[in-house]
Amino acid sequence: MAAPESTKAQPMSAVEIDASLIRALQARARKEKTTVDRLVRRLIAESLQELEDHEAIKAFRARPGRTVPLADVKKRL
């Protein structure tokens, strides 16, 4: 008998998704040769990371002070 993947029970969530979006997810999952479940998990994780990155950039830009152009940074390297 195969051992379960994880000894801890993973929390489950239910989300309502429009039929057109489900079809798009299924098509993308087929194209990537993965399951819809794995695709959705990856897309959510990537989206959350992008959101965090965007917020960090906004916070950095809101800080007072001088910024340095990329060309000047490259010259210093």
PDB file of N, CA and C in Angstrom:
ATOM      1  N   MET A   1       0.840  -1.170   0.000  1.00  0.00           N
ATOM      2  CA  MET A   1       0.000   0.000   0.000  1.00  0.00           C
ATOM      3  C   MET A   1       0.892   1.242   0.000  1.00  0.00           C
ATOM      4  N   ALA A   2       0.561   2.228  -0.837  1.00  0.00           N
ATOM      5  CA  ALA A   2       1.370   3.437  -0.960  1.00  0.00           C
ATOM      6  C   ALA A   2       1.117   4.361   0.213  1.00  0.00           C
ATOM      7  N   ALA A   3       2.174   5.022   0.649  1.00  0.00           N
ATOM      8  CA  ALA A   3       2.062   5.985   1.748  1.00  0.00           C
ATOM      9  C   ALA A   3       1.460   7.279   1.231  1.00  0.00           C
ATOM     10  N   PRO A   4       0.682   7.966   2.060  1.00  0.00           N
ATOM     11  CA  PRO A   4       0.135   9.250   1.614  1.00  0.00           C
ATOM     12  C   PRO A   4       1.253  10.255   1.373  1.00  0.00           C
ATOM     13  N   GLU A   5       0.999  11.235   0.492  1.00  0.00           N
ATOM     14  CA  GLU A   5       2.010  12.231   0.147  1.00  0.00           C
ATOM     15  C   GLU A   5       2.437  13.046   1.359  1.00  0.00           C
ATOM     16  N   SER A   6       1.514  13.350   2.240  1.00  0.00           N
ATOM     17  CA  SER A   6       1.823  14.175   3.397  1.00  0.00           C
ATOM     18  C   SER A   6       1.123  13.599   4.611  1.00  0.00           C
ATOM     19  N   THR A   7       1.782  13.671   5.740  1.00  0.00           N
ATOM     20  CA  THR A   7       1.159  13.165   6.955  1.00  0.00           C
ATOM     21  C   THR A   7       0.188  14.182   7.534  1.00  0.00           C
ATOM     22  N   LYS A   8       0.356  15.451   7.204  1.00  0.00           N
ATOM     23  CA  LYS A   8      -0.558  16.491   7.667  1.00  0.00           C
ATOM     24  C   LYS A   8      -1.688  16.667   6.655  1.00  0.00           C
ATOM     25  N   ALA A   9      -2.870  16.873   7.164  1.00  0.00           N
ATOM     26  CA  ALA A   9      -4.001  17.152   6.282  1.00  0.00           C
ATOM     27  C   ALA A   9      -3.874  18.582   5.777  1.00  0.00           C
ATOM     28  N   GLN A  10      -3.982  18.746   4.472  1.00  0.00           N
ATOM     29  CA  GLN A  10      -3.886  20.075   3.892  1.00  0.00           C
ATOM     30  C   GLN A  10      -5.264  20.722   3.880  1.00  0.00           C
ATOM     31  N   PRO A  11      -5.342  22.010   4.255  1.00  0.00           N
ATOM     32  CA  PRO A  11      -6.642  22.679   4.230  1.00  0.00           C
ATOM     33  C   PRO A  11      -7.139  22.810   2.793  1.00  0.00           C
ATOM     34  N   MET A  12      -8.419  22.662   2.636  1.00  0.00           N
ATOM     35  CA  MET A  12      -9.036  22.750   1.320  1.00  0.00           C
ATOM     36  C   MET A  12      -9.853  24.027   1.256  1.00  0.00           C
ATOM     37  N   SER A  13      -9.938  24.602   0.078  1.00  0.00           N
ATOM     38  CA  SER A  13     -10.747  25.783  -0.145  1.00  0.00           C
ATOM     39  C   SER A  13     -11.559  25.579  -1.405  1.00  0.00           C
ATOM     40  N   ALA A  14     -12.721  26.166  -1.425  1.00  0.00           N
ATOM     41  CA  ALA A  14     -13.577  26.105  -2.607  1.00  0.00           C
ATOM     42  C   ALA A  14     -13.742  27.515  -3.155  1.00  0.00           C
ATOM     43  N   VAL A  15     -13.633  27.631  -4.462  1.00  0.00           N
ATOM     44  CA  VAL A  15     -13.768  28.918  -5.123  1.00  0.00           C
ATOM     45  C   VAL A  15     -14.681  28.736  -6.326  1.00  0.00           C
ATOM     46  N   GLU A  16     -15.634  29.644  -6.493  1.00  0.00           N
ATOM     47  CA  GLU A  16     -16.501  29.591  -7.672  1.00  0.00           C
ATOM     48  C   GLU A  16     -15.756  30.194  -8.853  1.00  0.00           C
ATOM     49  N   ILE A  17     -15.724  29.462  -9.949  1.00  0.00           N
ATOM     50  CA  ILE A  17     -15.034  29.922 -11.152  1.00  0.00           C
ATOM     51  C   ILE A  17     -15.988  29.794 -12.330  1.00  0.00           C
ATOM     52  N   ASP A  18     -16.049  30.843 -13.157  1.00  0.00           N
ATOM     53  CA  ASP A  18     -16.899  30.818 -14.343  1.00  0.00           C
ATOM     54  C   ASP A  18     -16.490  29.679 -15.272  1.00  0.00           C
ATOM     55  N   ALA A  19     -17.470  29.163 -15.991  1.00  0.00           N
ATOM     56  CA  ALA A  19     -17.230  28.039 -16.904  1.00  0.00           C
ATOM     57  C   ALA A  19     -16.176  28.378 -17.956  1.00  0.00           C
ATOM     58  N   SER A  20     -16.186  29.604 -18.454  1.00  0.00           N
ATOM     59  CA  SER A  20     -15.205  29.988 -19.479  1.00  0.00           C
ATOM     60  C   SER A  20     -13.787  29.966 -18.921  1.00  0.00           C
ATOM     61  N   LEU A  21     -13.636  30.368 -17.673  1.00  0.00           N
ATOM     62  CA  LEU A  21     -12.325  30.343 -17.042  1.00  0.00           C
ATOM     63  C   LEU A  21     -11.881  28.909 -16.766  1.00  0.00           C
ATOM     64  N   ILE A  22     -12.808  28.063 -16.385  1.00  0.00           N
ATOM     65  CA  ILE A  22     -12.487  26.644 -16.173  1.00  0.00           C
ATOM     66  C   ILE A  22     -11.995  26.024 -17.475  1.00  0.00           C
ATOM     67  N   ARG A  23     -12.675  26.332 -18.576  1.00  0.00           N
ATOM     68  CA  ARG A  23     -12.241  25.798 -19.877  1.00  0.00           C
ATOM     69  C   ARG A  23     -10.842  26.296 -20.230  1.00  0.00           C
ATOM     70  N   ALA A  24     -10.571  27.570 -19.952  1.00  0.00           N
ATOM     71  CA  ALA A  24      -9.245  28.116 -20.234  1.00  0.00           C
ATOM     72  C   ALA A  24      -8.185  27.435 -19.366  1.00  0.00           C
ATOM     73  N   LEU A  25      -8.500  27.201 -18.099  1.00  0.00           N
ATOM     74  CA  LEU A  25      -7.570  26.506 -17.208  1.00  0.00           C
ATOM     75  C   LEU A  25      -7.314  25.077 -17.680  1.00  0.00           C
ATOM     76  N   GLN A  26      -8.369  24.396 -18.100  1.00  0.00           N
ATOM     77  CA  GLN A  26      -8.214  23.032 -18.588  1.00  0.00           C
ATOM     78  C   GLN A  26      -7.348  22.992 -19.840  1.00  0.00           C
ATOM     79  N   ALA A  27      -7.565  23.936 -20.739  1.00  0.00           N
ATOM     80  CA  ALA A  27      -6.769  23.982 -21.968  1.00  0.00           C
ATOM     81  C   ALA A  27      -5.307  24.262 -21.644  1.00  0.00           C
ATOM     82  N   ARG A  28      -5.069  25.189 -20.733  1.00  0.00           N
ATOM     83  CA  ARG A  28      -3.696  25.525 -20.364  1.00  0.00           C
ATOM     84  C   ARG A  28      -3.016  24.360 -19.652  1.00  0.00           C
ATOM     85  N   ALA A  29      -3.761  23.678 -18.802  1.00  0.00           N
ATOM     86  CA  ALA A  29      -3.208  22.517 -18.093  1.00  0.00           C
ATOM     87  C   ALA A  29      -2.828  21.424 -19.092  1.00  0.00           C
ATOM     88  N   ARG A  30      -3.675  21.200 -20.082  1.00  0.00           N
ATOM     89  CA  ARG A  30      -3.351  20.197 -21.118  1.00  0.00           C
ATOM     90  C   ARG A  30      -2.087  20.601 -21.862  1.00  0.00           C
ATOM     91  N   LYS A  31      -1.996  21.882 -22.212  1.00  0.00           N
ATOM     92  CA  LYS A  31      -0.838  22.381 -22.952  1.00  0.00           C
ATOM     93  C   LYS A  31       0.447  22.187 -22.147  1.00  0.00           C
ATOM     94  N   GLU A  32       0.375  22.407 -20.834  1.00  0.00           N
ATOM     95  CA  GLU A  32       1.548  22.279 -19.966  1.00  0.00           C
ATOM     96  C   GLU A  32       1.735  20.863 -19.431  1.00  0.00           C
ATOM     97  N   LYS A  33       0.824  19.972 -19.819  1.00  0.00           N
ATOM     98  CA  LYS A  33       0.870  18.570 -19.385  1.00  0.00           C
ATOM     99  C   LYS A  33       0.909  18.463 -17.858  1.00  0.00           C
ATOM    100  N   THR A  34      -0.032  19.137 -17.227  1.00  0.00           N
ATOM    101  CA  THR A  34      -0.162  19.116 -15.778  1.00  0.00           C
ATOM    102  C   THR A  34      -1.640  19.067 -15.430  1.00  0.00           C
ATOM    103  N   THR A  35      -1.941  19.036 -14.168  1.00  0.00           N
ATOM    104  CA  THR A  35      -3.336  19.033 -13.735  1.00  0.00           C
ATOM    105  C   THR A  35      -3.806  20.470 -13.516  1.00  0.00           C
ATOM    106  N   VAL A  36      -5.104  20.661 -13.575  1.00  0.00           N
ATOM    107  CA  VAL A  36      -5.673  21.977 -13.302  1.00  0.00           C
ATOM    108  C   VAL A  36      -5.331  22.388 -11.876  1.00  0.00           C
ATOM    109  N   ASP A  37      -5.386  21.450 -10.953  1.00  0.00           N
ATOM    110  CA  ASP A  37      -5.069  21.732  -9.556  1.00  0.00           C
ATOM    111  C   ASP A  37      -3.659  22.301  -9.419  1.00  0.00           C
ATOM    112  N   ARG A  38      -2.680  21.641 -10.012  1.00  0.00           N
ATOM    113  CA  ARG A  38      -1.295  22.106  -9.932  1.00  0.00           C
ATOM    114  C   ARG A  38      -1.126  23.449 -10.629  1.00  0.00           C
ATOM    115  N   LEU A  39      -1.780  23.603 -11.770  1.00  0.00           N
ATOM    116  CA  LEU A  39      -1.703  24.863 -12.503  1.00  0.00           C
ATOM    117  C   LEU A  39      -2.251  26.016 -11.670  1.00  0.00           C
ATOM    118  N   VAL A  40      -3.408  25.812 -11.062  1.00  0.00           N
ATOM    119  CA  VAL A  40      -4.035  26.864 -10.253  1.00  0.00           C
ATOM    120  C   VAL A  40      -3.156  27.207  -9.053  1.00  0.00           C
ATOM    121  N   ARG A  41      -2.609  26.198  -8.391  1.00  0.00           N
ATOM    122  CA  ARG A  41      -1.728  26.463  -7.253  1.00  0.00           C
ATOM    123  C   ARG A  41      -0.526  27.297  -7.673  1.00  0.00           C
ATOM    124  N   ARG A  42       0.086  26.920  -8.803  1.00  0.00           N
ATOM    125  CA  ARG A  42       1.254  27.660  -9.291  1.00  0.00           C
ATOM    126  C   ARG A  42       0.881  29.089  -9.670  1.00  0.00           C
ATOM    127  N   LEU A  43      -0.228  29.251 -10.370  1.00  0.00           N
ATOM    128  CA  LEU A  43      -0.651  30.587 -10.792  1.00  0.00           C
ATOM    129  C   LEU A  43      -0.965  31.481  -9.597  1.00  0.00           C
ATOM    130  N   ILE A  44      -1.583  30.927  -8.583  1.00  0.00           N
ATOM    131  CA  ILE A  44      -1.874  31.715  -7.376  1.00  0.00           C
ATOM    132  C   ILE A  44      -0.577  32.117  -6.693  1.00  0.00           C
ATOM    133  N   ALA A  45       0.344  31.182  -6.545  1.00  0.00           N
ATOM    134  CA  ALA A  45       1.627  31.486  -5.895  1.00  0.00           C
ATOM    135  C   ALA A  45       2.385  32.562  -6.670  1.00  0.00           C
ATOM    136  N   GLU A  46       2.422  32.433  -7.999  1.00  0.00           N
ATOM    137  CA  GLU A  46       3.117  33.428  -8.822  1.00  0.00           C
ATOM    138  C   GLU A  46       2.443  34.788  -8.718  1.00  0.00           C
ATOM    139  N   SER A  47       1.132  34.799  -8.714  1.00  0.00           N
ATOM    140  CA  SER A  47       0.392  36.052  -8.624  1.00  0.00           C
ATOM    141  C   SER A  47       0.643  36.742  -7.285  1.00  0.00           C
ATOM    142  N   LEU A  48       0.648  35.981  -6.211  1.00  0.00           N
ATOM    143  CA  LEU A  48       0.929  36.558  -4.896  1.00  0.00           C
ATOM    144  C   LEU A  48       2.341  37.121  -4.827  1.00  0.00           C
ATOM    145  N   GLN A  49       3.289  36.425  -5.430  1.00  0.00           N
ATOM    146  CA  GLN A  49       4.673  36.919  -5.454  1.00  0.00           C
ATOM    147  C   GLN A  49       4.765  38.211  -6.255  1.00  0.00           C
ATOM    148  N   GLU A  50       4.088  38.249  -7.403  1.00  0.00           N
ATOM    149  CA  GLU A  50       4.075  39.467  -8.221  1.00  0.00           C
ATOM    150  C   GLU A  50       3.469  40.630  -7.453  1.00  0.00           C
ATOM    151  N   LEU A  51       2.405  40.372  -6.715  1.00  0.00           N
ATOM    152  CA  LEU A  51       1.757  41.407  -5.921  1.00  0.00           C
ATOM    153  C   LEU A  51       2.708  41.939  -4.846  1.00  0.00           C
ATOM    154  N   GLU A  52       3.399  41.040  -4.169  1.00  0.00           N
ATOM    155  CA  GLU A  52       4.373  41.455  -3.152  1.00  0.00           C
ATOM    156  C   GLU A  52       5.486  42.289  -3.778  1.00  0.00           C
ATOM    157  N   ASP A  53       5.976  41.862  -4.935  1.00  0.00           N
ATOM    158  CA  ASP A  53       7.024  42.609  -5.625  1.00  0.00           C
ATOM    159  C   ASP A  53       6.535  44.001  -6.011  1.00  0.00           C
ATOM    160  N   HIS A  54       5.326  44.071  -6.530  1.00  0.00           N
ATOM    161  CA  HIS A  54       4.747  45.353  -6.940  1.00  0.00           C
ATOM    162  C   HIS A  54       4.618  46.297  -5.740  1.00  0.00           C
ATOM    163  N   GLU A  55       4.143  45.764  -4.633  1.00  0.00           N
ATOM    164  CA  GLU A  55       3.997  46.585  -3.426  1.00  0.00           C
ATOM    165  C   GLU A  55       5.356  47.054  -2.904  1.00  0.00           C
ATOM    166  N   ALA A  56       6.359  46.209  -2.989  1.00  0.00           N
ATOM    167  CA  ALA A  56       7.700  46.598  -2.547  1.00  0.00           C
ATOM    168  C   ALA A  56       8.251  47.713  -3.428  1.00  0.00           C
ATOM    169  N   ILE A  57       8.016  47.627  -4.716  1.00  0.00           N
ATOM    170  CA  ILE A  57       8.483  48.667  -5.634  1.00  0.00           C
ATOM    171  C   ILE A  57       7.766  49.983  -5.347  1.00  0.00           C
ATOM    172  N   LYS A  58       6.456  49.905  -5.127  1.00  0.00           N
ATOM    173  CA  LYS A  58       5.697  51.121  -4.806  1.00  0.00           C
ATOM    174  C   LYS A  58       6.222  51.758  -3.524  1.00  0.00           C
ATOM    175  N   ALA A  59       6.498  50.956  -2.529  1.00  0.00           N
ATOM    176  CA  ALA A  59       7.004  51.472  -1.260  1.00  0.00           C
ATOM    177  C   ALA A  59       8.382  52.104  -1.449  1.00  0.00           C
ATOM    178  N   PHE A  60       9.225  51.478  -2.251  1.00  0.00           N
ATOM    179  CA  PHE A  60      10.556  52.015  -2.512  1.00  0.00           C
ATOM    180  C   PHE A  60      10.466  53.353  -3.230  1.00  0.00           C
ATOM    181  N   ARG A  61       9.600  53.420  -4.230  1.00  0.00           N
ATOM    182  CA  ARG A  61       9.449  54.664  -4.998  1.00  0.00           C
ATOM    183  C   ARG A  61       8.846  55.785  -4.165  1.00  0.00           C
ATOM    184  N   ALA A  62       8.090  55.451  -3.153  1.00  0.00           N
ATOM    185  CA  ALA A  62       7.462  56.472  -2.306  1.00  0.00           C
ATOM    186  C   ALA A  62       8.454  57.068  -1.317  1.00  0.00           C
ATOM    187  N   ARG A  63       9.578  56.386  -1.116  1.00  0.00           N
ATOM    188  CA  ARG A  63      10.581  56.898  -0.178  1.00  0.00           C
ATOM    189  C   ARG A  63      11.240  58.154  -0.741  1.00  0.00           C
ATOM    190  N   PRO A  64      11.460  59.121   0.114  1.00  0.00           N
ATOM    191  CA  PRO A  64      12.173  60.307  -0.357  1.00  0.00           C
ATOM    192  C   PRO A  64      13.645  59.980  -0.560  1.00  0.00           C
ATOM    193  N   GLY A  65      14.264  60.698  -1.450  1.00  0.00           N
ATOM    194  CA  GLY A  65      15.694  60.485  -1.667  1.00  0.00           C
ATOM    195  C   GLY A  65      16.017  60.425  -3.137  1.00  0.00           C
ATOM    196  N   ARG A  66      17.282  60.349  -3.400  1.00  0.00           N
ATOM    197  CA  ARG A  66      17.769  60.371  -4.767  1.00  0.00           C
ATOM    198  C   ARG A  66      17.844  58.949  -5.316  1.00  0.00           C
ATOM    199  N   THR A  67      17.453  58.796  -6.570  1.00  0.00           N
ATOM    200  CA  THR A  67      17.626  57.511  -7.239  1.00  0.00           C
ATOM    201  C   THR A  67      18.762  57.643  -8.243  1.00  0.00           C
ATOM    202  N   VAL A  68      19.335  56.528  -8.617  1.00  0.00           N
ATOM    203  CA  VAL A  68      20.468  56.522  -9.531  1.00  0.00           C
ATOM    204  C   VAL A  68      20.052  55.798 -10.805  1.00  0.00           C
ATOM    205  N   PRO A  69      20.279  56.403 -11.959  1.00  0.00           N
ATOM    206  CA  PRO A  69      19.947  55.730 -13.217  1.00  0.00           C
ATOM    207  C   PRO A  69      20.758  54.437 -13.388  1.00  0.00           C
ATOM    208  N   LEU A  70      20.172  53.467 -14.072  1.00  0.00           N
ATOM    209  CA  LEU A  70      20.827  52.180 -14.288  1.00  0.00           C
ATOM    210  C   LEU A  70      22.171  52.348 -14.992  1.00  0.00           C
ATOM    211  N   ALA A  71      22.260  53.252 -15.934  1.00  0.00           N
ATOM    212  CA  ALA A  71      23.517  53.463 -16.659  1.00  0.00           C
ATOM    213  C   ALA A  71      24.630  53.860 -15.694  1.00  0.00           C
ATOM    214  N   ASP A  72      24.308  54.699 -14.696  1.00  0.00           N
ATOM    215  CA  ASP A  72      25.324  55.100 -13.715  1.00  0.00           C
ATOM    216  C   ASP A  72      25.742  53.927 -12.823  1.00  0.00           C
ATOM    217  N   VAL A  73      24.788  53.083 -12.478  1.00  0.00           N
ATOM    218  CA  VAL A  73      25.095  51.900 -11.668  1.00  0.00           C
ATOM    219  C   VAL A  73      26.034  50.991 -12.445  1.00  0.00           C
ATOM    220  N   LYS A  74      25.744  50.791 -13.730  1.00  0.00           N
ATOM    221  CA  LYS A  74      26.595  49.917 -14.561  1.00  0.00           C
ATOM    222  C   LYS A  74      28.009  50.473 -14.671  1.00  0.00           C
ATOM    223  N   LYS A  75      28.150  51.809 -14.737  1.00  0.00           N
ATOM    224  CA  LYS A  75      29.477  52.418 -14.834  1.00  0.00           C
ATOM    225  C   LYS A  75      30.299  52.131 -13.587  1.00  0.00           C
ATOM    226  N   ARG A  76      29.628  52.092 -12.440  1.00  0.00           N
ATOM    227  CA  ARG A  76      30.327  51.855 -11.169  1.00  0.00           C
ATOM    228  C   ARG A  76      30.771  50.404 -11.007  1.00  0.00           C
ATOM    229  N   LEU A  77      30.139  49.505 -11.735  1.00  0.00           N
ATOM    230  CA  LEU A  77      30.488  48.079 -11.599  1.00  0.00           C
ATOM    231  C   LEU A  77      31.701  47.743 -12.345  1.00  0.00           C
TER     232      LEU A  77
END
